[in-house]
N, C-alpha and C. Protein backbone atom coordinates (compact mmCIF):
# COMPACT_ATOMS: atom_id res chain seq x y z
N UNK A 1 -169.66 -101.52 17.26
CA UNK A 1 -169.03 -101.62 18.58
C UNK A 1 -168.01 -100.50 18.73
N UNK A 2 -168.03 -99.81 19.86
CA UNK A 2 -167.13 -98.69 20.07
C UNK A 2 -165.71 -99.17 20.34
N UNK A 3 -164.76 -98.27 20.10
CA UNK A 3 -163.34 -98.62 20.25
C UNK A 3 -163.00 -99.02 21.68
N UNK A 4 -163.66 -98.38 22.66
CA UNK A 4 -163.40 -98.73 24.07
C UNK A 4 -163.74 -100.17 24.37
N UNK A 5 -164.88 -100.62 23.84
CA UNK A 5 -165.31 -102.01 24.05
C UNK A 5 -164.37 -102.97 23.34
N UNK A 6 -163.93 -102.60 22.15
CA UNK A 6 -162.99 -103.44 21.40
C UNK A 6 -161.67 -103.58 22.15
N UNK A 7 -161.21 -102.49 22.71
CA UNK A 7 -159.95 -102.51 23.47
C UNK A 7 -160.10 -103.39 24.71
N UNK A 8 -161.22 -103.24 25.39
CA UNK A 8 -161.47 -104.02 26.61
C UNK A 8 -161.54 -105.51 26.28
N UNK A 9 -162.28 -105.86 25.21
CA UNK A 9 -162.40 -107.27 24.81
C UNK A 9 -161.04 -107.85 24.43
N UNK A 10 -160.24 -107.04 23.72
CA UNK A 10 -158.92 -107.51 23.30
C UNK A 10 -158.04 -107.78 24.52
N UNK A 11 -158.13 -106.91 25.52
CA UNK A 11 -157.34 -107.10 26.75
C UNK A 11 -157.79 -108.35 27.49
N UNK A 12 -159.10 -108.51 27.62
CA UNK A 12 -159.62 -109.69 28.31
C UNK A 12 -159.24 -110.98 27.59
N UNK A 13 -159.30 -110.97 26.26
CA UNK A 13 -158.92 -112.16 25.49
C UNK A 13 -157.44 -112.48 25.64
N UNK A 14 -156.64 -111.42 25.92
CA UNK A 14 -155.20 -111.62 26.11
C UNK A 14 -154.91 -112.07 27.54
N UNK A 15 -155.94 -112.09 28.39
CA UNK A 15 -155.78 -112.54 29.77
C UNK A 15 -155.00 -111.57 30.63
N UNK A 16 -155.17 -110.29 30.37
CA UNK A 16 -154.43 -109.27 31.13
C UNK A 16 -155.38 -108.39 31.92
N UNK A 17 -154.92 -107.94 33.09
CA UNK A 17 -155.69 -106.99 33.89
C UNK A 17 -155.35 -105.58 33.40
N UNK A 18 -156.14 -104.61 33.85
CA UNK A 18 -155.85 -103.23 33.48
C UNK A 18 -154.50 -102.79 34.01
N UNK A 19 -154.13 -103.25 35.20
CA UNK A 19 -152.84 -102.90 35.78
C UNK A 19 -151.70 -103.44 34.94
N UNK A 20 -151.82 -104.69 34.50
CA UNK A 20 -150.76 -105.31 33.70
C UNK A 20 -150.64 -104.60 32.34
N UNK A 21 -151.78 -104.29 31.76
CA UNK A 21 -151.77 -103.61 30.47
C UNK A 21 -151.16 -102.21 30.60
N UNK A 22 -151.54 -101.52 31.66
CA UNK A 22 -151.04 -100.16 31.88
C UNK A 22 -149.52 -100.16 32.03
N UNK A 23 -148.99 -101.12 32.78
CA UNK A 23 -147.55 -101.20 32.99
C UNK A 23 -146.82 -101.49 31.69
N UNK A 24 -147.39 -102.39 30.88
CA UNK A 24 -146.76 -102.75 29.61
C UNK A 24 -146.82 -101.60 28.61
N UNK A 25 -147.87 -100.80 28.68
CA UNK A 25 -148.06 -99.69 27.74
C UNK A 25 -147.39 -98.40 28.22
N UNK A 26 -146.95 -98.38 29.49
CA UNK A 26 -146.29 -97.20 30.02
C UNK A 26 -147.25 -96.08 30.36
N UNK A 27 -148.49 -96.45 30.75
CA UNK A 27 -149.48 -95.45 31.14
C UNK A 27 -150.07 -95.85 32.50
N UNK A 28 -150.96 -95.04 33.03
CA UNK A 28 -151.59 -95.38 34.30
C UNK A 28 -152.80 -96.29 34.10
N UNK A 29 -153.19 -96.98 35.17
CA UNK A 29 -154.36 -97.87 35.07
C UNK A 29 -155.61 -97.05 34.76
N UNK A 30 -155.67 -95.83 35.31
CA UNK A 30 -156.82 -94.96 35.07
C UNK A 30 -156.93 -94.60 33.59
N UNK A 31 -155.78 -94.43 32.94
CA UNK A 31 -155.78 -94.11 31.52
C UNK A 31 -156.38 -95.25 30.72
N UNK A 32 -155.97 -96.48 31.05
CA UNK A 32 -156.52 -97.66 30.37
C UNK A 32 -158.02 -97.74 30.61
N UNK A 33 -158.43 -97.48 31.84
CA UNK A 33 -159.84 -97.51 32.18
C UNK A 33 -160.62 -96.47 31.38
N UNK A 34 -160.05 -95.28 31.24
CA UNK A 34 -160.73 -94.22 30.47
C UNK A 34 -160.88 -94.60 29.01
N UNK A 35 -159.86 -95.27 28.46
CA UNK A 35 -159.96 -95.74 27.08
C UNK A 35 -161.10 -96.74 26.92
N UNK A 36 -161.17 -97.66 27.85
CA UNK A 36 -162.13 -98.75 27.74
C UNK A 36 -163.57 -98.30 28.01
N UNK A 37 -163.72 -97.23 28.78
CA UNK A 37 -165.06 -96.73 29.06
C UNK A 37 -165.48 -95.61 28.10
N UNK A 38 -164.56 -95.24 27.21
CA UNK A 38 -164.88 -94.22 26.22
C UNK A 38 -164.76 -92.80 26.72
N UNK A 39 -164.16 -92.61 27.90
CA UNK A 39 -163.98 -91.27 28.44
C UNK A 39 -162.89 -90.50 27.68
N UNK A 40 -161.97 -91.23 27.11
CA UNK A 40 -160.92 -90.61 26.30
C UNK A 40 -160.47 -91.61 25.25
N UNK A 41 -159.77 -91.11 24.23
CA UNK A 41 -159.28 -91.97 23.16
C UNK A 41 -157.77 -92.17 23.29
N UNK A 42 -157.28 -93.34 22.94
CA UNK A 42 -155.82 -93.55 22.93
C UNK A 42 -155.22 -92.90 21.69
N UNK A 43 -153.98 -92.43 21.80
CA UNK A 43 -153.32 -91.89 20.62
C UNK A 43 -152.90 -93.05 19.73
N UNK A 44 -152.49 -92.73 18.52
CA UNK A 44 -152.19 -93.77 17.53
C UNK A 44 -151.03 -94.66 17.96
N UNK A 45 -150.05 -94.08 18.69
CA UNK A 45 -148.92 -94.87 19.16
C UNK A 45 -149.39 -95.92 20.16
N UNK A 46 -150.30 -95.52 21.05
CA UNK A 46 -150.83 -96.45 22.04
C UNK A 46 -151.65 -97.55 21.38
N UNK A 47 -152.38 -97.20 20.34
CA UNK A 47 -153.18 -98.20 19.61
C UNK A 47 -152.26 -99.26 18.99
N UNK A 48 -151.15 -98.79 18.41
CA UNK A 48 -150.19 -99.72 17.81
C UNK A 48 -149.59 -100.63 18.87
N UNK A 49 -149.26 -100.06 20.02
CA UNK A 49 -148.69 -100.86 21.11
C UNK A 49 -149.70 -101.88 21.62
N UNK A 50 -150.97 -101.48 21.72
CA UNK A 50 -152.00 -102.41 22.16
C UNK A 50 -152.19 -103.53 21.14
N UNK A 51 -152.05 -103.20 19.87
CA UNK A 51 -152.17 -104.21 18.83
C UNK A 51 -151.11 -105.29 19.01
N UNK A 52 -149.89 -104.88 19.32
CA UNK A 52 -148.81 -105.85 19.56
C UNK A 52 -149.00 -106.58 20.88
N UNK A 53 -149.40 -105.83 21.91
CA UNK A 53 -149.54 -106.41 23.25
C UNK A 53 -150.67 -107.43 23.31
N UNK A 54 -151.79 -107.12 22.70
CA UNK A 54 -152.95 -108.01 22.75
C UNK A 54 -152.97 -109.01 21.60
N UNK A 55 -151.98 -108.87 20.70
CA UNK A 55 -151.87 -109.77 19.54
C UNK A 55 -153.13 -109.75 18.68
N UNK A 56 -153.58 -108.54 18.36
CA UNK A 56 -154.71 -108.37 17.45
C UNK A 56 -154.32 -107.35 16.39
N UNK A 57 -155.01 -107.35 15.29
CA UNK A 57 -154.68 -106.43 14.21
C UNK A 57 -155.19 -105.03 14.50
N UNK A 58 -154.56 -104.06 13.88
CA UNK A 58 -155.02 -102.68 14.02
C UNK A 58 -156.43 -102.53 13.47
N UNK A 59 -156.70 -103.25 12.40
CA UNK A 59 -158.03 -103.19 11.79
C UNK A 59 -159.09 -103.64 12.79
N UNK A 60 -158.76 -104.64 13.59
CA UNK A 60 -159.72 -105.14 14.59
C UNK A 60 -159.97 -104.09 15.67
N UNK A 61 -158.91 -103.44 16.15
CA UNK A 61 -159.06 -102.45 17.20
C UNK A 61 -159.81 -101.21 16.73
N UNK A 62 -159.66 -100.89 15.45
CA UNK A 62 -160.28 -99.68 14.92
C UNK A 62 -161.54 -99.96 14.12
N UNK A 63 -162.03 -101.20 14.18
CA UNK A 63 -163.20 -101.58 13.41
C UNK A 63 -164.47 -101.30 14.20
N UNK A 64 -164.85 -100.00 14.26
CA UNK A 64 -166.04 -99.62 14.98
C UNK A 64 -167.04 -98.99 14.02
N UNK A 65 -168.12 -98.50 14.52
CA UNK A 65 -169.15 -97.91 13.70
C UNK A 65 -168.62 -96.65 13.00
N UNK A 66 -169.26 -96.29 11.90
CA UNK A 66 -168.82 -95.15 11.10
C UNK A 66 -168.73 -93.87 11.92
N UNK A 67 -169.73 -93.64 12.76
CA UNK A 67 -169.72 -92.41 13.57
C UNK A 67 -168.51 -92.36 14.48
N UNK A 68 -168.15 -93.53 15.05
CA UNK A 68 -166.99 -93.59 15.93
C UNK A 68 -165.70 -93.40 15.14
N UNK A 69 -165.65 -93.93 13.92
CA UNK A 69 -164.47 -93.74 13.08
C UNK A 69 -164.23 -92.26 12.82
N UNK A 70 -165.31 -91.55 12.50
CA UNK A 70 -165.19 -90.13 12.24
C UNK A 70 -164.74 -89.39 13.49
N UNK A 71 -165.29 -89.79 14.63
CA UNK A 71 -164.95 -89.13 15.89
C UNK A 71 -163.49 -89.37 16.24
N UNK A 72 -163.04 -90.61 16.08
CA UNK A 72 -161.65 -90.93 16.42
C UNK A 72 -160.69 -90.26 15.44
N UNK A 73 -161.07 -90.21 14.18
CA UNK A 73 -160.23 -89.53 13.18
C UNK A 73 -160.10 -88.05 13.52
N UNK A 74 -161.22 -87.45 13.93
CA UNK A 74 -161.19 -86.03 14.31
C UNK A 74 -160.29 -85.82 15.52
N UNK A 75 -160.33 -86.79 16.46
CA UNK A 75 -159.50 -86.70 17.66
C UNK A 75 -158.02 -86.75 17.29
N UNK A 76 -157.66 -87.68 16.40
CA UNK A 76 -156.27 -87.81 15.98
C UNK A 76 -155.79 -86.55 15.27
N UNK A 77 -156.65 -85.99 14.41
CA UNK A 77 -156.27 -84.78 13.69
C UNK A 77 -156.09 -83.61 14.66
N UNK A 78 -156.99 -83.51 15.64
CA UNK A 78 -156.89 -82.44 16.63
C UNK A 78 -155.63 -82.58 17.47
N UNK A 79 -155.32 -83.83 17.86
CA UNK A 79 -154.12 -84.08 18.65
C UNK A 79 -152.86 -83.72 17.86
N UNK A 80 -152.86 -84.12 16.58
CA UNK A 80 -151.71 -83.83 15.72
C UNK A 80 -151.52 -82.33 15.54
N UNK A 81 -152.62 -81.63 15.31
CA UNK A 81 -152.55 -80.17 15.13
C UNK A 81 -152.06 -79.48 16.41
N UNK A 82 -152.50 -80.01 17.57
CA UNK A 82 -152.08 -79.43 18.84
C UNK A 82 -150.58 -79.60 19.04
N UNK A 83 -150.08 -80.80 18.73
CA UNK A 83 -148.64 -81.08 18.85
C UNK A 83 -147.84 -80.18 17.92
N UNK A 84 -148.31 -80.03 16.67
CA UNK A 84 -147.62 -79.18 15.71
C UNK A 84 -147.62 -77.73 16.17
N UNK A 85 -148.73 -77.28 16.72
CA UNK A 85 -148.83 -75.90 17.19
C UNK A 85 -147.87 -75.65 18.34
N UNK A 86 -147.80 -76.59 19.27
CA UNK A 86 -146.88 -76.44 20.41
C UNK A 86 -145.44 -76.47 19.94
N UNK A 87 -145.16 -77.31 18.96
CA UNK A 87 -143.80 -77.42 18.44
C UNK A 87 -143.39 -76.11 17.76
N UNK A 88 -144.30 -75.57 16.96
CA UNK A 88 -144.02 -74.30 16.28
C UNK A 88 -143.81 -73.18 17.28
N UNK A 89 -144.64 -73.16 18.32
CA UNK A 89 -144.52 -72.15 19.37
C UNK A 89 -143.17 -72.26 20.07
N UNK A 90 -142.74 -73.49 20.34
CA UNK A 90 -141.46 -73.71 21.01
C UNK A 90 -140.29 -73.22 20.15
N UNK A 91 -140.37 -73.51 18.85
CA UNK A 91 -139.30 -73.10 17.94
C UNK A 91 -139.22 -71.58 17.85
N UNK A 92 -140.39 -70.94 17.68
CA UNK A 92 -140.43 -69.48 17.57
C UNK A 92 -139.90 -68.83 18.85
N UNK A 93 -140.32 -69.36 19.99
CA UNK A 93 -139.86 -68.83 21.27
C UNK A 93 -138.35 -68.97 21.41
N UNK A 94 -137.82 -70.13 21.05
CA UNK A 94 -136.40 -70.38 21.15
C UNK A 94 -135.60 -69.42 20.27
N UNK A 95 -136.07 -69.21 19.04
CA UNK A 95 -135.38 -68.31 18.12
C UNK A 95 -135.41 -66.88 18.63
N UNK A 96 -136.58 -66.43 19.10
CA UNK A 96 -136.70 -65.06 19.59
C UNK A 96 -135.85 -64.82 20.83
N UNK A 97 -135.83 -65.79 21.74
CA UNK A 97 -135.02 -65.66 22.95
C UNK A 97 -133.53 -65.59 22.59
N UNK A 98 -133.12 -66.43 21.65
CA UNK A 98 -131.72 -66.44 21.21
C UNK A 98 -131.31 -65.10 20.62
N UNK A 99 -132.16 -64.58 19.73
CA UNK A 99 -131.86 -63.29 19.10
C UNK A 99 -131.89 -62.16 20.13
N UNK A 100 -132.79 -62.28 21.10
CA UNK A 100 -132.86 -61.26 22.15
C UNK A 100 -131.58 -61.25 22.98
N UNK A 101 -131.11 -62.43 23.36
CA UNK A 101 -129.87 -62.52 24.15
C UNK A 101 -128.69 -61.99 23.35
N UNK A 102 -128.64 -62.36 22.07
CA UNK A 102 -127.56 -61.89 21.20
C UNK A 102 -127.61 -60.36 21.08
N UNK A 103 -128.80 -59.82 20.83
CA UNK A 103 -128.95 -58.38 20.67
C UNK A 103 -128.61 -57.61 21.93
N UNK A 104 -129.05 -58.12 23.07
CA UNK A 104 -128.75 -57.46 24.33
C UNK A 104 -127.25 -57.53 24.64
N UNK A 105 -126.63 -58.64 24.26
CA UNK A 105 -125.19 -58.78 24.48
C UNK A 105 -124.42 -57.76 23.65
N UNK A 106 -124.83 -57.61 22.39
CA UNK A 106 -124.19 -56.63 21.50
C UNK A 106 -124.38 -55.23 22.04
N UNK A 107 -125.60 -54.91 22.45
CA UNK A 107 -125.90 -53.58 22.98
C UNK A 107 -125.09 -53.29 24.23
N UNK A 108 -125.04 -54.27 25.13
CA UNK A 108 -124.30 -54.08 26.38
C UNK A 108 -122.82 -53.91 26.11
N UNK A 109 -122.27 -54.72 25.21
CA UNK A 109 -120.84 -54.61 24.89
C UNK A 109 -120.53 -53.26 24.26
N UNK A 110 -121.43 -52.78 23.41
CA UNK A 110 -121.22 -51.49 22.76
C UNK A 110 -121.26 -50.34 23.73
N UNK A 111 -122.17 -50.43 24.69
CA UNK A 111 -122.33 -49.34 25.66
C UNK A 111 -121.17 -49.23 26.64
N UNK A 112 -120.51 -50.38 26.91
CA UNK A 112 -119.41 -50.34 27.88
C UNK A 112 -118.05 -50.42 27.19
N UNK A 113 -118.07 -50.28 25.87
CA UNK A 113 -116.82 -50.45 25.10
C UNK A 113 -115.71 -49.52 25.56
N UNK A 114 -116.08 -48.34 26.01
CA UNK A 114 -115.04 -47.37 26.41
C UNK A 114 -114.85 -47.33 27.92
N UNK A 115 -115.51 -48.21 28.64
CA UNK A 115 -115.40 -48.22 30.09
C UNK A 115 -114.14 -48.89 30.58
N UNK A 116 -113.83 -48.67 31.82
CA UNK A 116 -112.63 -49.24 32.43
C UNK A 116 -112.73 -50.76 32.53
N UNK A 117 -113.94 -51.24 32.86
CA UNK A 117 -114.13 -52.67 33.06
C UNK A 117 -114.65 -53.39 31.83
N UNK A 118 -114.48 -52.77 30.66
CA UNK A 118 -115.04 -53.34 29.44
C UNK A 118 -114.41 -54.67 29.07
N UNK A 119 -113.11 -54.83 29.36
CA UNK A 119 -112.41 -56.07 29.01
C UNK A 119 -113.01 -57.27 29.73
N UNK A 120 -113.19 -57.14 31.04
CA UNK A 120 -113.75 -58.24 31.82
C UNK A 120 -115.17 -58.54 31.42
N UNK A 121 -115.93 -57.50 31.12
CA UNK A 121 -117.32 -57.69 30.71
C UNK A 121 -117.39 -58.40 29.36
N UNK A 122 -116.50 -58.01 28.45
CA UNK A 122 -116.46 -58.64 27.12
C UNK A 122 -116.14 -60.12 27.22
N UNK A 123 -115.20 -60.45 28.09
CA UNK A 123 -114.84 -61.86 28.29
C UNK A 123 -116.03 -62.65 28.81
N UNK A 124 -116.76 -62.05 29.76
CA UNK A 124 -117.92 -62.73 30.35
C UNK A 124 -118.99 -63.00 29.30
N UNK A 125 -119.21 -62.03 28.43
CA UNK A 125 -120.24 -62.18 27.40
C UNK A 125 -119.79 -63.13 26.30
N UNK A 126 -118.58 -62.90 25.78
CA UNK A 126 -118.10 -63.68 24.63
C UNK A 126 -117.73 -65.11 24.98
N UNK A 127 -117.36 -65.36 26.24
CA UNK A 127 -116.92 -66.70 26.60
C UNK A 127 -117.85 -67.42 27.57
N UNK A 128 -118.95 -66.76 27.92
CA UNK A 128 -119.91 -67.41 28.83
C UNK A 128 -121.34 -67.30 28.31
N UNK A 129 -121.85 -66.08 28.23
CA UNK A 129 -123.26 -65.87 27.87
C UNK A 129 -123.58 -66.42 26.49
N UNK A 130 -122.85 -65.99 25.47
CA UNK A 130 -123.16 -66.42 24.11
C UNK A 130 -122.88 -67.91 23.88
N UNK A 131 -121.72 -68.44 24.32
CA UNK A 131 -121.48 -69.88 24.12
C UNK A 131 -122.54 -70.75 24.80
N UNK A 132 -122.92 -70.38 26.03
CA UNK A 132 -123.94 -71.15 26.74
C UNK A 132 -125.27 -71.09 26.00
N UNK A 133 -125.60 -69.91 25.49
CA UNK A 133 -126.85 -69.75 24.74
C UNK A 133 -126.86 -70.61 23.49
N UNK A 134 -125.77 -70.56 22.72
CA UNK A 134 -125.68 -71.33 21.48
C UNK A 134 -125.68 -72.83 21.76
N UNK A 135 -125.02 -73.23 22.84
CA UNK A 135 -125.00 -74.65 23.21
C UNK A 135 -126.42 -75.12 23.55
N UNK A 136 -127.13 -74.33 24.36
CA UNK A 136 -128.48 -74.70 24.79
C UNK A 136 -129.44 -74.77 23.60
N UNK A 137 -129.36 -73.80 22.72
CA UNK A 137 -130.23 -73.77 21.54
C UNK A 137 -129.97 -74.99 20.65
N UNK A 138 -128.71 -75.30 20.43
CA UNK A 138 -128.36 -76.43 19.58
C UNK A 138 -128.77 -77.75 20.23
N UNK A 139 -128.61 -77.86 21.54
CA UNK A 139 -129.01 -79.07 22.25
C UNK A 139 -130.51 -79.30 22.11
N UNK A 140 -131.30 -78.26 22.33
CA UNK A 140 -132.75 -78.38 22.21
C UNK A 140 -133.15 -78.72 20.78
N UNK A 141 -132.42 -78.15 19.83
CA UNK A 141 -132.71 -78.43 18.42
C UNK A 141 -132.47 -79.90 18.10
N UNK A 142 -131.33 -80.42 18.56
CA UNK A 142 -131.01 -81.82 18.31
C UNK A 142 -131.93 -82.77 19.07
N UNK A 143 -132.25 -82.41 20.31
CA UNK A 143 -133.09 -83.27 21.14
C UNK A 143 -134.51 -83.39 20.58
N UNK A 144 -135.04 -82.27 20.09
CA UNK A 144 -136.43 -82.25 19.60
C UNK A 144 -136.54 -82.31 18.08
N UNK A 145 -135.39 -82.40 17.44
CA UNK A 145 -135.33 -82.45 15.97
C UNK A 145 -136.08 -81.27 15.34
N UNK A 146 -135.80 -80.08 15.86
CA UNK A 146 -136.39 -78.88 15.28
C UNK A 146 -135.81 -78.63 13.89
N UNK A 147 -136.60 -78.08 13.00
CA UNK A 147 -136.20 -77.70 11.64
C UNK A 147 -135.94 -78.91 10.74
N UNK A 148 -136.20 -80.14 11.22
CA UNK A 148 -135.96 -81.31 10.38
C UNK A 148 -134.50 -81.46 10.04
N UNK A 149 -134.19 -81.69 8.77
CA UNK A 149 -132.79 -81.81 8.35
C UNK A 149 -132.06 -80.49 8.44
N UNK A 150 -132.84 -79.42 8.46
CA UNK A 150 -132.24 -78.09 8.55
C UNK A 150 -131.56 -77.84 9.88
N UNK A 151 -131.76 -78.75 10.85
CA UNK A 151 -131.14 -78.55 12.16
C UNK A 151 -129.62 -78.57 12.07
N UNK A 152 -129.08 -79.23 11.04
CA UNK A 152 -127.62 -79.31 10.92
C UNK A 152 -127.01 -77.98 10.48
N UNK A 153 -127.86 -77.03 10.10
CA UNK A 153 -127.36 -75.70 9.73
C UNK A 153 -127.30 -74.79 10.95
N UNK A 154 -127.90 -75.21 12.05
CA UNK A 154 -127.94 -74.38 13.26
C UNK A 154 -126.54 -74.02 13.77
N UNK A 155 -125.59 -74.98 13.84
CA UNK A 155 -124.23 -74.60 14.29
C UNK A 155 -123.60 -73.51 13.44
N UNK A 156 -123.84 -73.56 12.12
CA UNK A 156 -123.28 -72.54 11.23
C UNK A 156 -123.89 -71.18 11.53
N UNK A 157 -125.21 -71.17 11.76
CA UNK A 157 -125.88 -69.91 12.09
C UNK A 157 -125.34 -69.34 13.41
N UNK A 158 -125.15 -70.22 14.38
CA UNK A 158 -124.60 -69.79 15.67
C UNK A 158 -123.19 -69.25 15.50
N UNK A 159 -122.40 -69.92 14.65
CA UNK A 159 -121.04 -69.46 14.39
C UNK A 159 -121.02 -68.08 13.76
N UNK A 160 -121.95 -67.84 12.82
CA UNK A 160 -122.03 -66.53 12.17
C UNK A 160 -122.46 -65.45 13.16
N UNK A 161 -123.41 -65.77 14.00
CA UNK A 161 -123.85 -64.80 15.02
C UNK A 161 -122.70 -64.45 15.96
N UNK A 162 -121.93 -65.48 16.31
CA UNK A 162 -120.78 -65.25 17.20
C UNK A 162 -119.75 -64.35 16.54
N UNK A 163 -119.53 -64.57 15.24
CA UNK A 163 -118.56 -63.76 14.50
C UNK A 163 -119.05 -62.33 14.35
N UNK A 164 -120.35 -62.16 14.14
CA UNK A 164 -120.91 -60.84 13.91
C UNK A 164 -121.05 -60.02 15.18
N UNK A 165 -120.91 -60.67 16.32
CA UNK A 165 -121.09 -59.96 17.58
C UNK A 165 -120.10 -58.80 17.72
N UNK A 166 -118.84 -59.05 17.41
CA UNK A 166 -117.82 -58.00 17.51
C UNK A 166 -118.10 -56.85 16.57
N UNK A 167 -118.52 -57.18 15.35
CA UNK A 167 -118.82 -56.15 14.36
C UNK A 167 -120.01 -55.30 14.80
N UNK A 168 -121.09 -55.99 15.22
CA UNK A 168 -122.28 -55.27 15.66
C UNK A 168 -121.98 -54.41 16.88
N UNK A 169 -121.10 -54.91 17.75
CA UNK A 169 -120.72 -54.15 18.94
C UNK A 169 -120.00 -52.86 18.56
N UNK A 170 -119.13 -52.95 17.57
CA UNK A 170 -118.38 -51.77 17.14
C UNK A 170 -119.31 -50.74 16.50
N UNK A 171 -120.37 -51.22 15.84
CA UNK A 171 -121.34 -50.30 15.25
C UNK A 171 -122.07 -49.54 16.35
N UNK A 172 -122.45 -50.26 17.41
CA UNK A 172 -123.10 -49.61 18.55
C UNK A 172 -122.15 -48.62 19.19
N UNK A 173 -120.88 -49.02 19.34
CA UNK A 173 -119.89 -48.14 19.96
C UNK A 173 -119.65 -46.91 19.11
N UNK A 174 -119.72 -47.07 17.78
CA UNK A 174 -119.53 -45.94 16.88
C UNK A 174 -120.59 -44.87 17.13
N UNK A 175 -121.79 -45.31 17.42
CA UNK A 175 -122.86 -44.37 17.73
C UNK A 175 -122.61 -43.66 19.05
N UNK A 176 -121.67 -44.22 19.82
CA UNK A 176 -121.31 -43.59 21.10
C UNK A 176 -120.04 -42.75 20.94
N UNK A 177 -119.78 -42.30 19.68
CA UNK A 177 -118.67 -41.40 19.37
C UNK A 177 -117.32 -42.11 19.36
N UNK A 178 -117.34 -43.42 19.11
CA UNK A 178 -116.07 -44.13 18.92
C UNK A 178 -115.95 -44.39 17.42
N UNK A 179 -114.90 -43.95 16.81
CA UNK A 179 -114.85 -43.91 15.34
C UNK A 179 -114.46 -45.22 14.67
N UNK A 180 -113.79 -46.10 15.35
CA UNK A 180 -113.29 -47.31 14.70
C UNK A 180 -114.41 -48.35 14.54
N UNK A 181 -114.68 -48.71 13.31
CA UNK A 181 -115.69 -49.73 13.01
C UNK A 181 -114.97 -50.93 12.39
N UNK A 182 -115.10 -52.08 13.03
CA UNK A 182 -114.40 -53.28 12.56
C UNK A 182 -115.28 -54.10 11.63
N UNK A 183 -114.65 -54.89 10.78
CA UNK A 183 -115.36 -55.84 9.94
C UNK A 183 -115.63 -57.11 10.78
N UNK A 184 -116.59 -57.90 10.34
CA UNK A 184 -116.89 -59.14 11.08
C UNK A 184 -115.63 -59.97 11.28
N UNK A 185 -115.46 -60.48 12.48
CA UNK A 185 -114.28 -61.28 12.81
C UNK A 185 -114.60 -62.76 12.57
N UNK A 186 -114.45 -63.18 11.30
CA UNK A 186 -114.81 -64.55 10.96
C UNK A 186 -113.85 -65.59 11.54
N UNK A 187 -112.77 -65.10 12.14
CA UNK A 187 -111.85 -66.02 12.81
C UNK A 187 -112.52 -66.65 14.02
N UNK A 188 -113.55 -65.99 14.52
CA UNK A 188 -114.28 -66.52 15.67
C UNK A 188 -115.39 -67.49 15.28
N UNK A 189 -115.66 -67.58 13.97
CA UNK A 189 -116.74 -68.46 13.51
C UNK A 189 -116.57 -69.91 13.98
N UNK A 190 -115.35 -70.49 13.89
CA UNK A 190 -115.18 -71.88 14.34
C UNK A 190 -115.52 -72.09 15.81
N UNK A 191 -115.34 -71.05 16.64
CA UNK A 191 -115.63 -71.19 18.08
C UNK A 191 -117.12 -71.39 18.29
N UNK A 192 -117.90 -70.46 17.72
CA UNK A 192 -119.35 -70.57 17.85
C UNK A 192 -119.88 -71.83 17.20
N UNK A 193 -119.31 -72.17 16.04
CA UNK A 193 -119.74 -73.37 15.32
C UNK A 193 -119.46 -74.63 16.13
N UNK A 194 -118.28 -74.69 16.74
CA UNK A 194 -117.89 -75.88 17.51
C UNK A 194 -118.77 -76.05 18.74
N UNK A 195 -119.00 -74.96 19.46
CA UNK A 195 -119.84 -75.04 20.66
C UNK A 195 -121.24 -75.52 20.29
N UNK A 196 -121.79 -74.95 19.22
CA UNK A 196 -123.14 -75.33 18.80
C UNK A 196 -123.18 -76.76 18.27
N UNK A 197 -122.12 -77.17 17.58
CA UNK A 197 -122.07 -78.53 17.03
C UNK A 197 -122.05 -79.57 18.15
N UNK A 198 -121.31 -79.26 19.22
CA UNK A 198 -121.27 -80.17 20.37
C UNK A 198 -122.66 -80.26 21.01
N UNK A 199 -123.32 -79.11 21.16
CA UNK A 199 -124.66 -79.10 21.73
C UNK A 199 -125.64 -79.89 20.88
N UNK A 200 -125.56 -79.70 19.57
CA UNK A 200 -126.45 -80.42 18.65
C UNK A 200 -126.20 -81.92 18.72
N UNK A 201 -124.92 -82.30 18.72
CA UNK A 201 -124.58 -83.72 18.80
C UNK A 201 -125.08 -84.38 20.06
N UNK A 202 -124.93 -83.70 21.19
CA UNK A 202 -125.40 -84.25 22.46
C UNK A 202 -126.93 -84.32 22.48
N UNK A 203 -127.57 -83.34 21.87
CA UNK A 203 -129.03 -83.35 21.80
C UNK A 203 -129.54 -84.53 20.99
N UNK A 204 -128.90 -84.78 19.85
CA UNK A 204 -129.28 -85.92 19.00
C UNK A 204 -129.04 -87.23 19.74
N UNK A 205 -127.90 -87.33 20.41
CA UNK A 205 -127.56 -88.53 21.17
C UNK A 205 -128.59 -88.77 22.28
N UNK A 206 -128.98 -87.71 22.96
CA UNK A 206 -129.98 -87.81 24.03
C UNK A 206 -131.31 -88.32 23.46
N UNK A 207 -131.71 -87.81 22.30
CA UNK A 207 -132.98 -88.22 21.68
C UNK A 207 -132.94 -89.68 21.27
N UNK A 208 -131.82 -90.12 20.71
CA UNK A 208 -131.69 -91.51 20.28
C UNK A 208 -131.75 -92.46 21.47
N UNK A 209 -131.03 -92.12 22.53
CA UNK A 209 -131.05 -92.96 23.73
C UNK A 209 -132.42 -93.00 24.37
N UNK A 210 -133.10 -91.86 24.36
CA UNK A 210 -134.45 -91.79 24.94
C UNK A 210 -135.41 -92.66 24.14
N UNK A 211 -135.25 -92.66 22.83
CA UNK A 211 -136.10 -93.49 21.97
C UNK A 211 -135.88 -94.97 22.24
N UNK A 212 -134.62 -95.36 22.41
CA UNK A 212 -134.30 -96.76 22.69
C UNK A 212 -134.83 -97.19 24.06
N UNK A 213 -134.80 -96.26 25.01
CA UNK A 213 -135.32 -96.56 26.34
C UNK A 213 -136.80 -96.84 26.30
N UNK A 214 -137.54 -96.04 25.52
CA UNK A 214 -138.98 -96.22 25.41
C UNK A 214 -139.34 -97.53 24.73
N UNK A 215 -138.47 -97.96 23.82
CA UNK A 215 -138.72 -99.24 23.15
C UNK A 215 -138.54 -100.41 24.12
């Protein structure tokens, strides 16, 4: 017996309509219909929810013919690989965008270092562009749990980048015939670290609340 038929029988035995099941599962009625007719497969989370909702065991819902087991297993593996691929792509994109913003900020600061309006521009970059970038990156990291446990090192990395901005800027300015080259200003590390830590904390809090809402 195919999984769609098993799901349909389990729903009928529970005395529920497709609309009622869809509302309880947090999906559309059409999605439930597609599962039951075999047009699509439910993900593993939905199968677990149906097991609780219909009061049947997971073994019962997944007890289909061997060919169907292989097909459903392949579907789960493909879905998992797709999610992992998208997650990796998101992380790589986030890192590259962050480094690009940091690099462009350093380059811009170095090029205008000797200009009349350099002070105002520096304030805009150091107190707006970079802090906002680090906050956003840390928030996304906490919200999506990027890097696993390594996400707690993100604020430190942001703090170091913030500290190195002045040094890198002076190197760029040196190439523009300005002779003074400064060492990294690690006194600024706590600023970048704090901004990123707040973003990370809010991201984690958002993820936890979202998880509780779904439950």
